[in-house]
Amino acid sequence: MVEAVIVVPVLMVLVLVVIQVVLWAHAAQVVHLAASEGDRAARSSGGGAVAGAGVARSVVQASGLAPSSVAVAVTTEPGALARVTVTAKAESILPGFVLPVSSSVIGPIQEFRSGE
């Protein structure tokens, strides 16, 4: 009986930690997918920063992450590169425990260049 009083709470905390890690991994995967898809849209011919941000936000909304905890930034770097950065906070089941996730993808902007 004494062992159960010690072991059961430890196992419950262990289960909660495992669930929290799984929620963090899911959020990290969603954020990376949103950054990749946003970058693809921003780099495509006729795309741009607005298209990239819109696609990234739609991926995040479809995943079920809280939109209030997500920030999307699309910038154009020197040398015709587009960078999409998505940051969010993973859902937390442990009180006072916040895990941020972030992903940044950069790639060349596709454009037509005539006769160079």
PDB file of N, CA and C in Angstrom:
ATOM      1  N   MET A   1       0.812  -1.188   0.000  1.00  0.00           N
ATOM      2  CA  MET A   1       0.000   0.000   0.000  1.00  0.00           C
ATOM      3  C   MET A   1       0.864   1.263   0.000  1.00  0.00           C
ATOM      4  N   VAL A   2       1.923   1.268   0.777  1.00  0.00           N
ATOM      5  CA  VAL A   2       2.804   2.424   0.843  1.00  0.00           C
ATOM      6  C   VAL A   2       3.498   2.636  -0.507  1.00  0.00           C
ATOM      7  N   GLU A   3       3.857   1.561  -1.162  1.00  0.00           N
ATOM      8  CA  GLU A   3       4.505   1.674  -2.468  1.00  0.00           C
ATOM      9  C   GLU A   3       3.565   2.310  -3.486  1.00  0.00           C
ATOM     10  N   ALA A   4       2.299   1.964  -3.421  1.00  0.00           N
ATOM     11  CA  ALA A   4       1.327   2.516  -4.369  1.00  0.00           C
ATOM     12  C   ALA A   4       1.155   4.022  -4.169  1.00  0.00           C
ATOM     13  N   VAL A   5       1.235   4.480  -2.943  1.00  0.00           N
ATOM     14  CA  VAL A   5       1.107   5.908  -2.658  1.00  0.00           C
ATOM     15  C   VAL A   5       2.263   6.687  -3.287  1.00  0.00           C
ATOM     16  N   ILE A   6       3.402   6.070  -3.408  1.00  0.00           N
ATOM     17  CA  ILE A   6       4.569   6.723  -4.003  1.00  0.00           C
ATOM     18  C   ILE A   6       4.612   6.510  -5.511  1.00  0.00           C
ATOM     19  N   VAL A   7       4.330   5.319  -5.958  1.00  0.00           N
ATOM     20  CA  VAL A   7       4.491   4.975  -7.371  1.00  0.00           C
ATOM     21  C   VAL A   7       3.402   5.593  -8.255  1.00  0.00           C
ATOM     22  N   VAL A   8       2.161   5.591  -7.830  1.00  0.00           N
ATOM     23  CA  VAL A   8       1.059   6.075  -8.671  1.00  0.00           C
ATOM     24  C   VAL A   8       1.223   7.559  -9.019  1.00  0.00           C
ATOM     25  N   PRO A   9       1.509   8.461  -8.077  1.00  0.00           N
ATOM     26  CA  PRO A   9       1.715   9.858  -8.478  1.00  0.00           C
ATOM     27  C   PRO A   9       2.912  10.053  -9.410  1.00  0.00           C
ATOM     28  N   VAL A  10       3.959   9.306  -9.200  1.00  0.00           N
ATOM     29  CA  VAL A  10       5.128   9.405 -10.084  1.00  0.00           C
ATOM     30  C   VAL A  10       4.756   8.958 -11.490  1.00  0.00           C
ATOM     31  N   LEU A  11       4.014   7.880 -11.604  1.00  0.00           N
ATOM     32  CA  LEU A  11       3.583   7.411 -12.928  1.00  0.00           C
ATOM     33  C   LEU A  11       2.636   8.401 -13.596  1.00  0.00           C
ATOM     34  N   MET A  12       1.759   9.033 -12.827  1.00  0.00           N
ATOM     35  CA  MET A  12       0.843  10.028 -13.389  1.00  0.00           C
ATOM     36  C   MET A  12       1.617  11.230 -13.937  1.00  0.00           C
ATOM     37  N   VAL A  13       2.591  11.696 -13.197  1.00  0.00           N
ATOM     38  CA  VAL A  13       3.418  12.814 -13.668  1.00  0.00           C
ATOM     39  C   VAL A  13       4.193  12.399 -14.910  1.00  0.00           C
ATOM     40  N   LEU A  14       4.696  11.189 -14.929  1.00  0.00           N
ATOM     41  CA  LEU A  14       5.428  10.686 -16.090  1.00  0.00           C
ATOM     42  C   LEU A  14       4.527  10.641 -17.327  1.00  0.00           C
ATOM     43  N   VAL A  15       3.295  10.209 -17.166  1.00  0.00           N
ATOM     44  CA  VAL A  15       2.343  10.170 -18.285  1.00  0.00           C
ATOM     45  C   VAL A  15       2.057  11.590 -18.776  1.00  0.00           C
ATOM     46  N   LEU A  16       1.875  12.534 -17.864  1.00  0.00           N
ATOM     47  CA  LEU A  16       1.627  13.925 -18.255  1.00  0.00           C
ATOM     48  C   LEU A  16       2.820  14.508 -19.010  1.00  0.00           C
ATOM     49  N   VAL A  17       4.022  14.203 -18.587  1.00  0.00           N
ATOM     50  CA  VAL A  17       5.215  14.702 -19.276  1.00  0.00           C
ATOM     51  C   VAL A  17       5.299  14.113 -20.684  1.00  0.00           C
ATOM     52  N   VAL A  18       5.004  12.836 -20.823  1.00  0.00           N
ATOM     53  CA  VAL A  18       5.025  12.207 -22.152  1.00  0.00           C
ATOM     54  C   VAL A  18       3.985  12.857 -23.063  1.00  0.00           C
ATOM     55  N   ILE A  19       2.788  13.102 -22.550  1.00  0.00           N
ATOM     56  CA  ILE A  19       1.753  13.753 -23.351  1.00  0.00           C
ATOM     57  C   ILE A  19       2.189  15.162 -23.742  1.00  0.00           C
ATOM     58  N   GLN A  20       2.826  15.884 -22.824  1.00  0.00           N
ATOM     59  CA  GLN A  20       3.299  17.235 -23.135  1.00  0.00           C
ATOM     60  C   GLN A  20       4.351  17.209 -24.235  1.00  0.00           C
ATOM     61  N   VAL A  21       5.250  16.248 -24.194  1.00  0.00           N
ATOM     62  CA  VAL A  21       6.279  16.135 -25.239  1.00  0.00           C
ATOM     63  C   VAL A  21       5.634  15.822 -26.586  1.00  0.00           C
ATOM     64  N   VAL A  22       4.617  14.986 -26.598  1.00  0.00           N
ATOM     65  CA  VAL A  22       3.919  14.664 -27.844  1.00  0.00           C
ATOM     66  C   VAL A  22       3.210  15.905 -28.399  1.00  0.00           C
ATOM     67  N   LEU A  23       2.583  16.689 -27.533  1.00  0.00           N
ATOM     68  CA  LEU A  23       1.947  17.926 -27.986  1.00  0.00           C
ATOM     69  C   LEU A  23       2.970  18.909 -28.548  1.00  0.00           C
ATOM     70  N   TRP A  24       4.132  18.990 -27.913  1.00  0.00           N
ATOM     71  CA  TRP A  24       5.193  19.863 -28.417  1.00  0.00           C
ATOM     72  C   TRP A  24       5.686  19.381 -29.788  1.00  0.00           C
ATOM     73  N   ALA A  25       5.885  18.067 -29.934  1.00  0.00           N
ATOM     74  CA  ALA A  25       6.354  17.521 -31.213  1.00  0.00           C
ATOM     75  C   ALA A  25       5.336  17.784 -32.320  1.00  0.00           C
ATOM     76  N   HIS A  26       4.063  17.651 -32.005  1.00  0.00           N
ATOM     77  CA  HIS A  26       3.018  17.931 -33.000  1.00  0.00           C
ATOM     78  C   HIS A  26       3.062  19.399 -33.417  1.00  0.00           C
ATOM     79  N   ALA A  27       3.170  20.289 -32.451  1.00  0.00           N
ATOM     80  CA  ALA A  27       3.234  21.726 -32.768  1.00  0.00           C
ATOM     81  C   ALA A  27       4.471  22.041 -33.600  1.00  0.00           C
ATOM     82  N   ALA A  28       5.603  21.425 -33.283  1.00  0.00           N
ATOM     83  CA  ALA A  28       6.829  21.660 -34.056  1.00  0.00           C
ATOM     84  C   ALA A  28       6.671  21.177 -35.492  1.00  0.00           C
ATOM     85  N   GLN A  29       6.019  20.037 -35.672  1.00  0.00           N
ATOM     86  CA  GLN A  29       5.807  19.515 -37.023  1.00  0.00           C
ATOM     87  C   GLN A  29       4.867  20.420 -37.817  1.00  0.00           C
ATOM     88  N   VAL A  30       3.803  20.894 -37.179  1.00  0.00           N
ATOM     89  CA  VAL A  30       2.853  21.781 -37.855  1.00  0.00           C
ATOM     90  C   VAL A  30       3.528  23.089 -38.236  1.00  0.00           C
ATOM     91  N   VAL A  31       4.323  23.650 -37.331  1.00  0.00           N
ATOM     92  CA  VAL A  31       5.003  24.917 -37.607  1.00  0.00           C
ATOM     93  C   VAL A  31       5.988  24.747 -38.758  1.00  0.00           C
ATOM     94  N   HIS A  32       6.712  23.634 -38.790  1.00  0.00           N
ATOM     95  CA  HIS A  32       7.653  23.411 -39.895  1.00  0.00           C
ATOM     96  C   HIS A  32       6.905  23.236 -41.223  1.00  0.00           C
ATOM     97  N   LEU A  33       5.802  22.509 -41.206  1.00  0.00           N
ATOM     98  CA  LEU A  33       5.007  22.344 -42.427  1.00  0.00           C
ATOM     99  C   LEU A  33       4.462  23.684 -42.901  1.00  0.00           C
ATOM    100  N   ALA A  34       3.977  24.507 -41.969  1.00  0.00           N
ATOM    101  CA  ALA A  34       3.443  25.817 -42.340  1.00  0.00           C
ATOM    102  C   ALA A  34       4.537  26.691 -42.939  1.00  0.00           C
ATOM    103  N   ALA A  35       5.743  26.663 -42.357  1.00  0.00           N
ATOM    104  CA  ALA A  35       6.846  27.458 -42.899  1.00  0.00           C
ATOM    105  C   ALA A  35       7.247  26.950 -44.288  1.00  0.00           C
ATOM    106  N   SER A  36       7.286  25.651 -44.474  1.00  0.00           N
ATOM    107  CA  SER A  36       7.654  25.084 -45.786  1.00  0.00           C
ATOM    108  C   SER A  36       6.631  25.436 -46.857  1.00  0.00           C
ATOM    109  N   GLU A  37       5.353  25.263 -46.531  1.00  0.00           N
ATOM    110  CA  GLU A  37       4.308  25.569 -47.508  1.00  0.00           C
ATOM    111  C   GLU A  37       4.226  27.071 -47.777  1.00  0.00           C
ATOM    112  N   GLY A  38       4.397  27.882 -46.744  1.00  0.00           N
ATOM    113  CA  GLY A  38       4.405  29.328 -46.938  1.00  0.00           C
ATOM    114  C   GLY A  38       5.572  29.773 -47.799  1.00  0.00           C
ATOM    115  N   ASP A  39       6.724  29.162 -47.592  1.00  0.00           N
ATOM    116  CA  ASP A  39       7.900  29.481 -48.403  1.00  0.00           C
ATOM    117  C   ASP A  39       7.679  29.077 -49.858  1.00  0.00           C
ATOM    118  N   ARG A  40       7.081  27.917 -50.050  1.00  0.00           N
ATOM    119  CA  ARG A  40       6.804  27.466 -51.419  1.00  0.00           C
ATOM    120  C   ARG A  40       5.887  28.448 -52.124  1.00  0.00           C
ATOM    121  N   ALA A  41       4.860  28.927 -51.434  1.00  0.00           N
ATOM    122  CA  ALA A  41       3.919  29.881 -52.039  1.00  0.00           C
ATOM    123  C   ALA A  41       4.580  31.235 -52.257  1.00  0.00           C
ATOM    124  N   ALA A  42       5.415  31.671 -51.337  1.00  0.00           N
ATOM    125  CA  ALA A  42       6.074  32.981 -51.467  1.00  0.00           C
ATOM    126  C   ALA A  42       7.104  32.981 -52.590  1.00  0.00           C
ATOM    127  N   ARG A  43       7.755  31.834 -52.827  1.00  0.00           N
ATOM    128  CA  ARG A  43       8.793  31.761 -53.851  1.00  0.00           C
ATOM    129  C   ARG A  43       8.254  31.510 -55.237  1.00  0.00           C
ATOM    130  N   SER A  44       7.033  31.011 -55.350  1.00  0.00           N
ATOM    131  CA  SER A  44       6.509  30.654 -56.667  1.00  0.00           C
ATOM    132  C   SER A  44       6.297  31.898 -57.517  1.00  0.00           C
ATOM    133  N   SER A  45       6.302  31.685 -58.808  1.00  0.00           N
ATOM    134  CA  SER A  45       6.080  32.786 -59.736  1.00  0.00           C
ATOM    135  C   SER A  45       4.679  33.337 -59.535  1.00  0.00           C
ATOM    136  N   GLY A  46       4.591  34.634 -59.295  1.00  0.00           N
ATOM    137  CA  GLY A  46       3.306  35.260 -59.032  1.00  0.00           C
ATOM    138  C   GLY A  46       2.891  35.187 -57.575  1.00  0.00           C
ATOM    139  N   GLY A  47       3.729  34.608 -56.727  1.00  0.00           N
ATOM    140  CA  GLY A  47       3.424  34.504 -55.298  1.00  0.00           C
ATOM    141  C   GLY A  47       3.743  35.805 -54.596  1.00  0.00           C
ATOM    142  N   GLY A  48       4.480  35.748 -53.543  1.00  0.00           N
ATOM    143  CA  GLY A  48       4.880  36.933 -52.803  1.00  0.00           C
ATOM    144  C   GLY A  48       4.661  36.758 -51.322  1.00  0.00           C
ATOM    145  N   ALA A  49       4.944  37.813 -50.595  1.00  0.00           N
ATOM    146  CA  ALA A  49       4.868  37.759 -49.137  1.00  0.00           C
ATOM    147  C   ALA A  49       3.445  37.515 -48.654  1.00  0.00           C
ATOM    148  N   VAL A  50       2.484  38.144 -49.289  1.00  0.00           N
ATOM    149  CA  VAL A  50       1.092  37.993 -48.854  1.00  0.00           C
ATOM    150  C   VAL A  50       0.611  36.566 -49.093  1.00  0.00           C
ATOM    151  N   ALA A  51       0.947  36.006 -50.249  1.00  0.00           N
ATOM    152  CA  ALA A  51       0.547  34.628 -50.553  1.00  0.00           C
ATOM    153  C   ALA A  51       1.217  33.650 -49.592  1.00  0.00           C
ATOM    154  N   GLY A  52       2.497  33.862 -49.298  1.00  0.00           N
ATOM    155  CA  GLY A  52       3.211  32.975 -48.383  1.00  0.00           C
ATOM    156  C   GLY A  52       2.635  33.012 -46.988  1.00  0.00           C
ATOM    157  N   ALA A  53       2.328  34.208 -46.494  1.00  0.00           N
ATOM    158  CA  ALA A  53       1.746  34.331 -45.154  1.00  0.00           C
ATOM    159  C   ALA A  53       0.352  33.713 -45.108  1.00  0.00           C
ATOM    160  N   GLY A  54      -0.421  33.896 -46.164  1.00  0.00           N
ATOM    161  CA  GLY A  54      -1.770  33.319 -46.200  1.00  0.00           C
ATOM    162  C   GLY A  54      -1.756  31.807 -46.180  1.00  0.00           C
ATOM    163  N   VAL A  55      -0.868  31.215 -46.956  1.00  0.00           N
ATOM    164  CA  VAL A  55      -0.773  29.753 -46.994  1.00  0.00           C
ATOM    165  C   VAL A  55      -0.291  29.224 -45.644  1.00  0.00           C
ATOM    166  N   ALA A  56       0.699  29.873 -45.056  1.00  0.00           N
ATOM    167  CA  ALA A  56       1.210  29.426 -43.753  1.00  0.00           C
ATOM    168  C   ALA A  56       0.112  29.496 -42.696  1.00  0.00           C
ATOM    169  N   ARG A  57      -0.663  30.575 -42.693  1.00  0.00           N
ATOM    170  CA  ARG A  57      -1.748  30.701 -41.710  1.00  0.00           C
ATOM    171  C   ARG A  57      -2.833  29.646 -41.936  1.00  0.00           C
ATOM    172  N   SER A  58      -3.123  29.340 -43.201  1.00  0.00           N
ATOM    173  CA  SER A  58      -4.154  28.329 -43.467  1.00  0.00           C
ATOM    174  C   SER A  58      -3.711  26.941 -43.017  1.00  0.00           C
ATOM    175  N   VAL A  59      -2.426  26.637 -43.154  1.00  0.00           N
ATOM    176  CA  VAL A  59      -1.915  25.346 -42.672  1.00  0.00           C
ATOM    177  C   VAL A  59      -2.040  25.271 -41.152  1.00  0.00           C
ATOM    178  N   VAL A  60      -1.702  26.351 -40.477  1.00  0.00           N
ATOM    179  CA  VAL A  60      -1.796  26.370 -39.012  1.00  0.00           C
ATOM    180  C   VAL A  60      -3.254  26.250 -38.569  1.00  0.00           C
ATOM    181  N   GLN A  61      -4.156  26.947 -39.233  1.00  0.00           N
ATOM    182  CA  GLN A  61      -5.571  26.872 -38.860  1.00  0.00           C
ATOM    183  C   GLN A  61      -6.139  25.475 -39.092  1.00  0.00           C
ATOM    184  N   ALA A  62      -5.717  24.820 -40.152  1.00  0.00           N
ATOM    185  CA  ALA A  62      -6.206  23.472 -40.447  1.00  0.00           C
ATOM    186  C   ALA A  62      -5.698  22.453 -39.437  1.00  0.00           C
ATOM    187  N   SER A  63      -4.587  22.760 -38.767  1.00  0.00           N
ATOM    188  CA  SER A  63      -3.998  21.796 -37.839  1.00  0.00           C
ATOM    189  C   SER A  63      -4.665  21.789 -36.482  1.00  0.00           C
ATOM    190  N   GLY A  64      -5.333  22.877 -36.133  1.00  0.00           N
ATOM    191  CA  GLY A  64      -5.975  22.944 -34.828  1.00  0.00           C
ATOM    192  C   GLY A  64      -5.166  23.672 -33.774  1.00  0.00           C
ATOM    193  N   LEU A  65      -3.988  24.195 -34.129  1.00  0.00           N
ATOM    194  CA  LEU A  65      -3.248  25.007 -33.167  1.00  0.00           C
ATOM    195  C   LEU A  65      -4.007  26.309 -32.920  1.00  0.00           C
ATOM    196  N   ALA A  66      -3.855  26.852 -31.731  1.00  0.00           N
ATOM    197  CA  ALA A  66      -4.533  28.105 -31.403  1.00  0.00           C
ATOM    198  C   ALA A  66      -3.952  29.233 -32.240  1.00  0.00           C
ATOM    199  N   PRO A  67      -4.772  29.871 -33.105  1.00  0.00           N
ATOM    200  CA  PRO A  67      -4.248  30.926 -33.980  1.00  0.00           C
ATOM    201  C   PRO A  67      -3.686  32.118 -33.215  1.00  0.00           C
ATOM    202  N   SER A  68      -4.147  32.336 -31.988  1.00  0.00           N
ATOM    203  CA  SER A  68      -3.654  33.480 -31.219  1.00  0.00           C
ATOM    204  C   SER A  68      -2.199  33.304 -30.791  1.00  0.00           C
ATOM    205  N   SER A  69      -1.724  32.067 -30.760  1.00  0.00           N
ATOM    206  CA  SER A  69      -0.343  31.832 -30.329  1.00  0.00           C
ATOM    207  C   SER A  69       0.626  31.696 -31.500  1.00  0.00           C
ATOM    208  N   VAL A  70       0.177  31.983 -32.727  1.00  0.00           N
ATOM    209  CA  VAL A  70       1.002  31.780 -33.914  1.00  0.00           C
ATOM    210  C   VAL A  70       1.336  33.130 -34.558  1.00  0.00           C
ATOM    211  N   ALA A  71       2.595  33.295 -34.936  1.00  0.00           N
ATOM    212  CA  ALA A  71       3.038  34.488 -35.660  1.00  0.00           C
ATOM    213  C   ALA A  71       3.729  34.047 -36.942  1.00  0.00           C
ATOM    214  N   VAL A  72       3.382  34.684 -38.057  1.00  0.00           N
ATOM    215  CA  VAL A  72       3.973  34.367 -39.357  1.00  0.00           C
ATOM    216  C   VAL A  72       4.650  35.629 -39.887  1.00  0.00           C
ATOM    217  N   ALA A  73       5.907  35.486 -40.310  1.00  0.00           N
ATOM    218  CA  ALA A  73       6.642  36.605 -40.899  1.00  0.00           C
ATOM    219  C   ALA A  73       7.260  36.153 -42.213  1.00  0.00           C
ATOM    220  N   VAL A  74       7.030  36.931 -43.263  1.00  0.00           N
ATOM    221  CA  VAL A  74       7.616  36.645 -44.570  1.00  0.00           C
ATOM    222  C   VAL A  74       8.462  37.851 -44.963  1.00  0.00           C
ATOM    223  N   THR A  75       9.741  37.609 -45.236  1.00  0.00           N
ATOM    224  CA  THR A  75      10.643  38.686 -45.622  1.00  0.00           C
ATOM    225  C   THR A  75      11.383  38.315 -46.891  1.00  0.00           C
ATOM    226  N   THR A  76      11.807  39.334 -47.616  1.00  0.00           N
ATOM    227  CA  THR A  76      12.624  39.133 -48.812  1.00  0.00           C
ATOM    228  C   THR A  76      14.053  39.510 -48.467  1.00  0.00           C
ATOM    229  N   GLU A  77      14.939  38.567 -48.672  1.00  0.00           N
ATOM    230  CA  GLU A  77      16.352  38.760 -48.356  1.00  0.00           C
ATOM    231  C   GLU A  77      17.085  39.254 -49.606  1.00  0.00           C
ATOM    232  N   PRO A  78      18.239  39.886 -49.425  1.00  0.00           N
ATOM    233  CA  PRO A  78      19.046  40.265 -50.592  1.00  0.00           C
ATOM    234  C   PRO A  78      19.430  39.024 -51.403  1.00  0.00           C
ATOM    235  N   GLY A  79      19.462  39.186 -52.697  1.00  0.00           N
ATOM    236  CA  GLY A  79      19.804  38.069 -53.580  1.00  0.00           C
ATOM    237  C   GLY A  79      18.587  37.280 -54.006  1.00  0.00           C
ATOM    238  N   ALA A  80      17.403  37.886 -53.955  1.00  0.00           N
ATOM    239  CA  ALA A  80      16.152  37.261 -54.397  1.00  0.00           C
ATOM    240  C   ALA A  80      15.842  35.992 -53.611  1.00  0.00           C
ATOM    241  N   LEU A  81      15.910  36.094 -52.287  1.00  0.00           N
ATOM    242  CA  LEU A  81      15.566  34.983 -51.407  1.00  0.00           C
ATOM    243  C   LEU A  81      14.346  35.360 -50.574  1.00  0.00           C
ATOM    244  N   ALA A  82      13.486  34.382 -50.368  1.00  0.00           N
ATOM    245  CA  ALA A  82      12.311  34.585 -49.512  1.00  0.00           C
ATOM    246  C   ALA A  82      12.500  33.765 -48.241  1.00  0.00           C
ATOM    247  N   ARG A  83      12.226  34.391 -47.093  1.00  0.00           N
ATOM    248  CA  ARG A  83      12.326  33.695 -45.803  1.00  0.00           C
ATOM    249  C   ARG A  83      10.967  33.748 -45.120  1.00  0.00           C
ATOM    250  N   VAL A  84      10.479  32.578 -44.723  1.00  0.00           N
ATOM    251  CA  VAL A  84       9.226  32.480 -43.988  1.00  0.00           C
ATOM    252  C   VAL A  84       9.557  31.933 -42.606  1.00  0.00           C
ATOM    253  N   THR A  85       9.137  32.677 -41.578  1.00  0.00           N
ATOM    254  CA  THR A  85       9.361  32.265 -40.199  1.00  0.00           C
ATOM    255  C   THR A  85       8.010  32.139 -39.507  1.00  0.00           C
ATOM    256  N   VAL A  86       7.776  30.978 -38.914  1.00  0.00           N
ATOM    257  CA  VAL A  86       6.537  30.732 -38.179  1.00  0.00           C
ATOM    258  C   VAL A  86       6.910  30.380 -36.750  1.00  0.00           C
ATOM    259  N   THR A  87       6.331  31.084 -35.792  1.00  0.00           N
ATOM    260  CA  THR A  87       6.565  30.790 -34.380  1.00  0.00           C
ATOM    261  C   THR A  87       5.213  30.567 -33.701  1.00  0.00           C
ATOM    262  N   ALA A  88       5.211  29.698 -32.711  1.00  0.00           N
ATOM    263  CA  ALA A  88       3.979  29.386 -31.987  1.00  0.00           C
ATOM    264  C   ALA A  88       4.327  28.874 -30.594  1.00  0.00           C
ATOM    265  N   LYS A  89       3.294  28.638 -29.824  1.00  0.00           N
ATOM    266  CA  LYS A  89       3.447  28.023 -28.512  1.00  0.00           C
ATOM    267  C   LYS A  89       2.689  26.710 -28.531  1.00  0.00           C
ATOM    268  N   ALA A  90       3.335  25.661 -28.064  1.00  0.00           N
ATOM    269  CA  ALA A  90       2.687  24.354 -28.008  1.00  0.00           C
ATOM    270  C   ALA A  90       1.609  24.368 -26.932  1.00  0.00           C
ATOM    271  N   GLU A  91       0.575  23.598 -27.152  1.00  0.00           N
ATOM    272  CA  GLU A  91      -0.493  23.455 -26.161  1.00  0.00           C
ATOM    273  C   GLU A  91       0.103  22.878 -24.875  1.00  0.00           C
ATOM    274  N   SER A  92      -0.295  23.427 -23.754  1.00  0.00           N
ATOM    275  CA  SER A  92       0.283  23.007 -22.480  1.00  0.00           C
ATOM    276  C   SER A  92      -0.767  22.365 -21.597  1.00  0.00           C
ATOM    277  N   ILE A  93      -0.435  21.193 -21.042  1.00  0.00           N
ATOM    278  CA  ILE A  93      -1.321  20.556 -20.071  1.00  0.00           C
ATOM    279  C   ILE A  93      -0.733  20.646 -18.665  1.00  0.00           C
ATOM    280  N   LEU A  94       0.525  21.039 -18.585  1.00  0.00           N
ATOM    281  CA  LEU A  94       1.169  21.230 -17.289  1.00  0.00           C
ATOM    282  C   LEU A  94       1.092  22.711 -16.930  1.00  0.00           C
ATOM    283  N   PRO A  95       0.642  23.056 -15.759  1.00  0.00           N
ATOM    284  CA  PRO A  95       0.490  24.465 -15.400  1.00  0.00           C
ATOM    285  C   PRO A  95       1.824  25.207 -15.371  1.00  0.00           C
ATOM    286  N   GLY A  96       1.825  26.399 -15.977  1.00  0.00           N
ATOM    287  CA  GLY A  96       3.018  27.232 -15.989  1.00  0.00           C
ATOM    288  C   GLY A  96       4.127  26.744 -16.890  1.00  0.00           C
ATOM    289  N   PHE A  97       3.841  25.817 -17.769  1.00  0.00           N
ATOM    290  CA  PHE A  97       4.859  25.212 -18.630  1.00  0.00           C
ATOM    291  C   PHE A  97       4.552  25.575 -20.074  1.00  0.00           C
ATOM    292  N   VAL A  98       5.339  26.488 -20.662  1.00  0.00           N
ATOM    293  CA  VAL A  98       5.107  26.943 -22.031  1.00  0.00           C
ATOM    294  C   VAL A  98       6.309  26.547 -22.882  1.00  0.00           C
ATOM    295  N   LEU A  99       6.047  25.843 -23.960  1.00  0.00           N
ATOM    296  CA  LEU A  99       7.107  25.431 -24.880  1.00  0.00           C
ATOM    297  C   LEU A  99       6.942  26.151 -26.210  1.00  0.00           C
ATOM    298  N   PRO A 100       7.849  27.070 -26.537  1.00  0.00           N
ATOM    299  CA  PRO A 100       7.763  27.731 -27.841  1.00  0.00           C
ATOM    300  C   PRO A 100       8.333  26.841 -28.941  1.00  0.00           C
ATOM    301  N   VAL A 101       7.771  26.961 -30.125  1.00  0.00           N
ATOM    302  CA  VAL A 101       8.281  26.268 -31.304  1.00  0.00           C
ATOM    303  C   VAL A 101       8.454  27.298 -32.416  1.00  0.00           C
ATOM    304  N   SER A 102       9.448  27.088 -33.251  1.00  0.00           N
ATOM    305  CA  SER A 102       9.717  28.026 -34.330  1.00  0.00           C
ATOM    306  C   SER A 102      10.358  27.288 -35.490  1.00  0.00           C
ATOM    307  N   SER A 103      10.073  27.760 -36.686  1.00  0.00           N
ATOM    308  CA  SER A 103      10.700  27.199 -37.878  1.00  0.00           C
ATOM    309  C   SER A 103      10.878  28.313 -38.894  1.00  0.00           C
ATOM    310  N   SER A 104      12.012  28.292 -39.567  1.00  0.00           N
ATOM    311  CA  SER A 104      12.315  29.289 -40.579  1.00  0.00           C
ATOM    312  C   SER A 104      12.823  28.574 -41.824  1.00  0.00           C
ATOM    313  N   VAL A 105      12.249  28.914 -42.967  1.00  0.00           N
ATOM    314  CA  VAL A 105      12.636  28.298 -44.244  1.00  0.00           C
ATOM    315  C   VAL A 105      12.991  29.417 -45.210  1.00  0.00           C
ATOM    316  N   ILE A 106      14.082  29.228 -45.932  1.00  0.00           N
ATOM    317  CA  ILE A 106      14.536  30.241 -46.883  1.00  0.00           C
ATOM    318  C   ILE A 106      14.816  29.571 -48.222  1.00  0.00           C
ATOM    319  N   GLY A 107      14.505  30.272 -49.309  1.00  0.00           N
ATOM    320  CA  GLY A 107      14.757  29.722 -50.633  1.00  0.00           C
ATOM    321  C   GLY A 107      14.727  30.801 -51.695  1.00  0.00           C
ATOM    322  N   PRO A 108      15.236  30.489 -52.881  1.00  0.00           N
ATOM    323  CA  PRO A 108      15.280  31.485 -53.959  1.00  0.00           C
ATOM    324  C   PRO A 108      13.896  31.732 -54.556  1.00  0.00           C
ATOM    325  N   ILE A 109      13.627  32.991 -54.866  1.00  0.00           N
ATOM    326  CA  ILE A 109      12.373  33.362 -55.511  1.00  0.00           C
ATOM    327  C   ILE A 109      12.434  32.962 -56.973  1.00  0.00           C
ATOM    328  N   GLN A 110      11.403  32.289 -57.440  1.00  0.00           N
ATOM    329  CA  GLN A 110      11.373  31.862 -58.841  1.00  0.00           C
ATOM    330  C   GLN A 110      10.860  33.016 -59.682  1.00  0.00           C
ATOM    331  N   GLU A 111      11.661  33.390 -60.667  1.00  0.00           N
ATOM    332  CA  GLU A 111      11.257  34.484 -61.538  1.00  0.00           C
ATOM    333  C   GLU A 111      11.808  34.252 -62.936  1.00  0.00           C
ATOM    334  N   PHE A 112      11.131  34.815 -63.905  1.00  0.00           N
ATOM    335  CA  PHE A 112      11.549  34.682 -65.288  1.00  0.00           C
ATOM    336  C   PHE A 112      12.578  35.762 -65.600  1.00  0.00           C
ATOM    337  N   ARG A 113      13.708  35.334 -66.141  1.00  0.00           N
ATOM    338  CA  ARG A 113      14.753  36.282 -66.557  1.00  0.00           C
ATOM    339  C   ARG A 113      15.005  36.071 -68.031  1.00  0.00           C
ATOM    340  N   SER A 114      14.828  37.087 -68.789  1.00  0.00           N
ATOM    341  CA  SER A 114      14.957  36.943 -70.247  1.00  0.00           C
ATOM    342  C   SER A 114      16.345  37.306 -70.711  1.00  0.00           C
ATOM    343  N   GLY A 115      16.907  36.475 -71.551  1.00  0.00           N
ATOM    344  CA  GLY A 115      18.127  36.705 -72.316  1.00  0.00           C
ATOM    345  C   GLY A 115      19.336  37.213 -71.548  1.00  0.00           C
ATOM    346  N   GLU A 116      19.617  36.665 -70.441  1.00  0.00           N
ATOM    347  CA  GLU A 116      20.819  37.097 -69.739  1.00  0.00           C
ATOM    348  C   GLU A 116      22.009  36.258 -70.117  1.00  0.00           C
TER     349      GLU A 116
END
